[in-house]
Amino acid sequence: MAAGRAIAEAANAETAKERFRQQLRLASRSDHATAEDLFRKGNWSEGVAYLGRALEHDPENPAAAAHLWSALAYGTGTTEH
């Protein structure tokens, strides 16, 4: 009986961990979408910040990683005149 309970608790813990990972991936995609909107509006530094946060949530988000690299390599950044 105790072994069955331990197995069920371990399965519940794994399910909770997977749900948490899914939430982080969703947050990452949301931050990436926000960054794209900010870039379109000309808010380069805020867009870069959102891409960084997207990668904090999901370091394996290839779209956010590529977009961040591109923004840093080719973006204009903010300039003061």
Protein backbone atom coordinates (compact mmCIF):
# COMPACT_ATOMS: atom_id res chain seq x y z
CA MET A 1 0.00 0.00 0.00
CA ALA A 2 2.77 2.47 0.91
CA ALA A 3 4.71 1.55 -2.23
CA GLY A 4 1.67 2.29 -4.38
CA ARG A 5 1.22 5.65 -2.68
CA ALA A 6 4.90 6.51 -3.23
CA ILE A 7 4.61 5.65 -6.91
CA ALA A 8 1.48 7.78 -7.26
CA GLU A 9 3.17 10.71 -5.48
CA ALA A 10 6.23 10.42 -7.74
CA ALA A 11 3.99 10.40 -10.82
CA ASN A 12 2.12 13.47 -9.54
CA ALA A 13 5.43 15.25 -8.93
CA GLU A 14 6.57 14.49 -12.48
CA THR A 15 3.26 15.71 -13.87
CA ALA A 16 3.59 18.96 -11.89
CA LYS A 17 7.15 19.44 -13.14
CA GLU A 18 6.07 18.93 -16.74
CA ARG A 19 3.19 21.40 -16.32
CA PHE A 20 5.67 23.93 -14.92
CA ARG A 21 8.03 23.40 -17.88
CA GLN A 22 5.10 23.87 -20.26
CA GLN A 23 4.17 27.12 -18.52
CA LEU A 24 7.75 28.35 -18.88
CA ARG A 25 7.75 27.50 -22.59
CA LEU A 26 4.48 29.37 -23.02
CA ALA A 27 5.86 32.37 -21.12
CA SER A 28 8.93 32.27 -23.35
CA ARG A 29 6.84 32.31 -26.52
CA SER A 30 4.73 35.14 -25.13
CA ASP A 31 7.81 37.22 -24.29
CA HIS A 32 9.21 36.55 -27.77
CA ALA A 33 5.95 37.76 -29.34
CA THR A 34 6.05 40.88 -27.15
CA ALA A 35 9.64 41.51 -28.23
CA GLU A 36 8.65 41.30 -31.90
CA ASP A 37 5.88 43.84 -31.30
CA LEU A 38 8.29 46.15 -29.49
CA PHE A 39 10.81 45.94 -32.35
CA ARG A 40 8.07 46.84 -34.83
CA LYS A 41 7.28 49.89 -32.70
CA GLY A 42 10.95 50.91 -32.59
CA ASN A 43 11.54 50.01 -28.93
CA TRP A 44 14.80 48.14 -29.51
CA SER A 45 16.12 48.03 -25.94
CA GLU A 46 12.81 46.82 -24.52
CA GLY A 47 12.58 44.21 -27.26
CA VAL A 48 16.03 42.91 -26.42
CA ALA A 49 15.06 42.76 -22.73
CA TYR A 50 11.99 40.67 -23.57
CA LEU A 51 14.06 38.32 -25.72
CA GLY A 52 16.46 37.88 -22.80
CA ARG A 53 13.58 37.06 -20.52
CA ALA A 54 12.16 34.65 -23.10
CA LEU A 55 15.46 32.78 -23.00
CA GLU A 56 15.53 32.82 -19.20
CA HIS A 57 12.16 31.06 -19.24
CA ASP A 58 13.21 28.59 -21.94
CA PRO A 59 16.90 28.54 -22.89
CA GLU A 60 16.07 26.05 -25.65
CA ASN A 61 13.73 28.44 -27.52
CA PRO A 62 15.51 28.54 -30.89
CA ALA A 63 13.34 31.31 -32.36
CA ALA A 64 14.01 33.68 -29.45
CA ALA A 65 17.73 32.84 -29.49
CA ALA A 66 18.02 33.51 -33.23
CA HIS A 67 16.02 36.73 -32.93
CA LEU A 68 18.20 37.96 -30.05
CA TRP A 69 21.37 37.18 -31.97
CA SER A 70 20.02 38.97 -35.01
CA ALA A 71 18.89 41.99 -32.99
CA LEU A 72 22.30 42.31 -31.35
CA ALA A 73 24.28 41.68 -34.51
CA TYR A 74 22.24 43.75 -36.93
CA GLY A 75 19.89 45.87 -34.86
CA THR A 76 20.31 49.59 -34.67
CA GLY A 77 19.81 49.91 -30.95
CA THR A 78 18.82 53.23 -29.53
CA THR A 79 20.74 56.30 -30.46
CA GLU A 80 20.77 59.64 -28.76
CA HIS A 81 21.12 62.76 -30.86
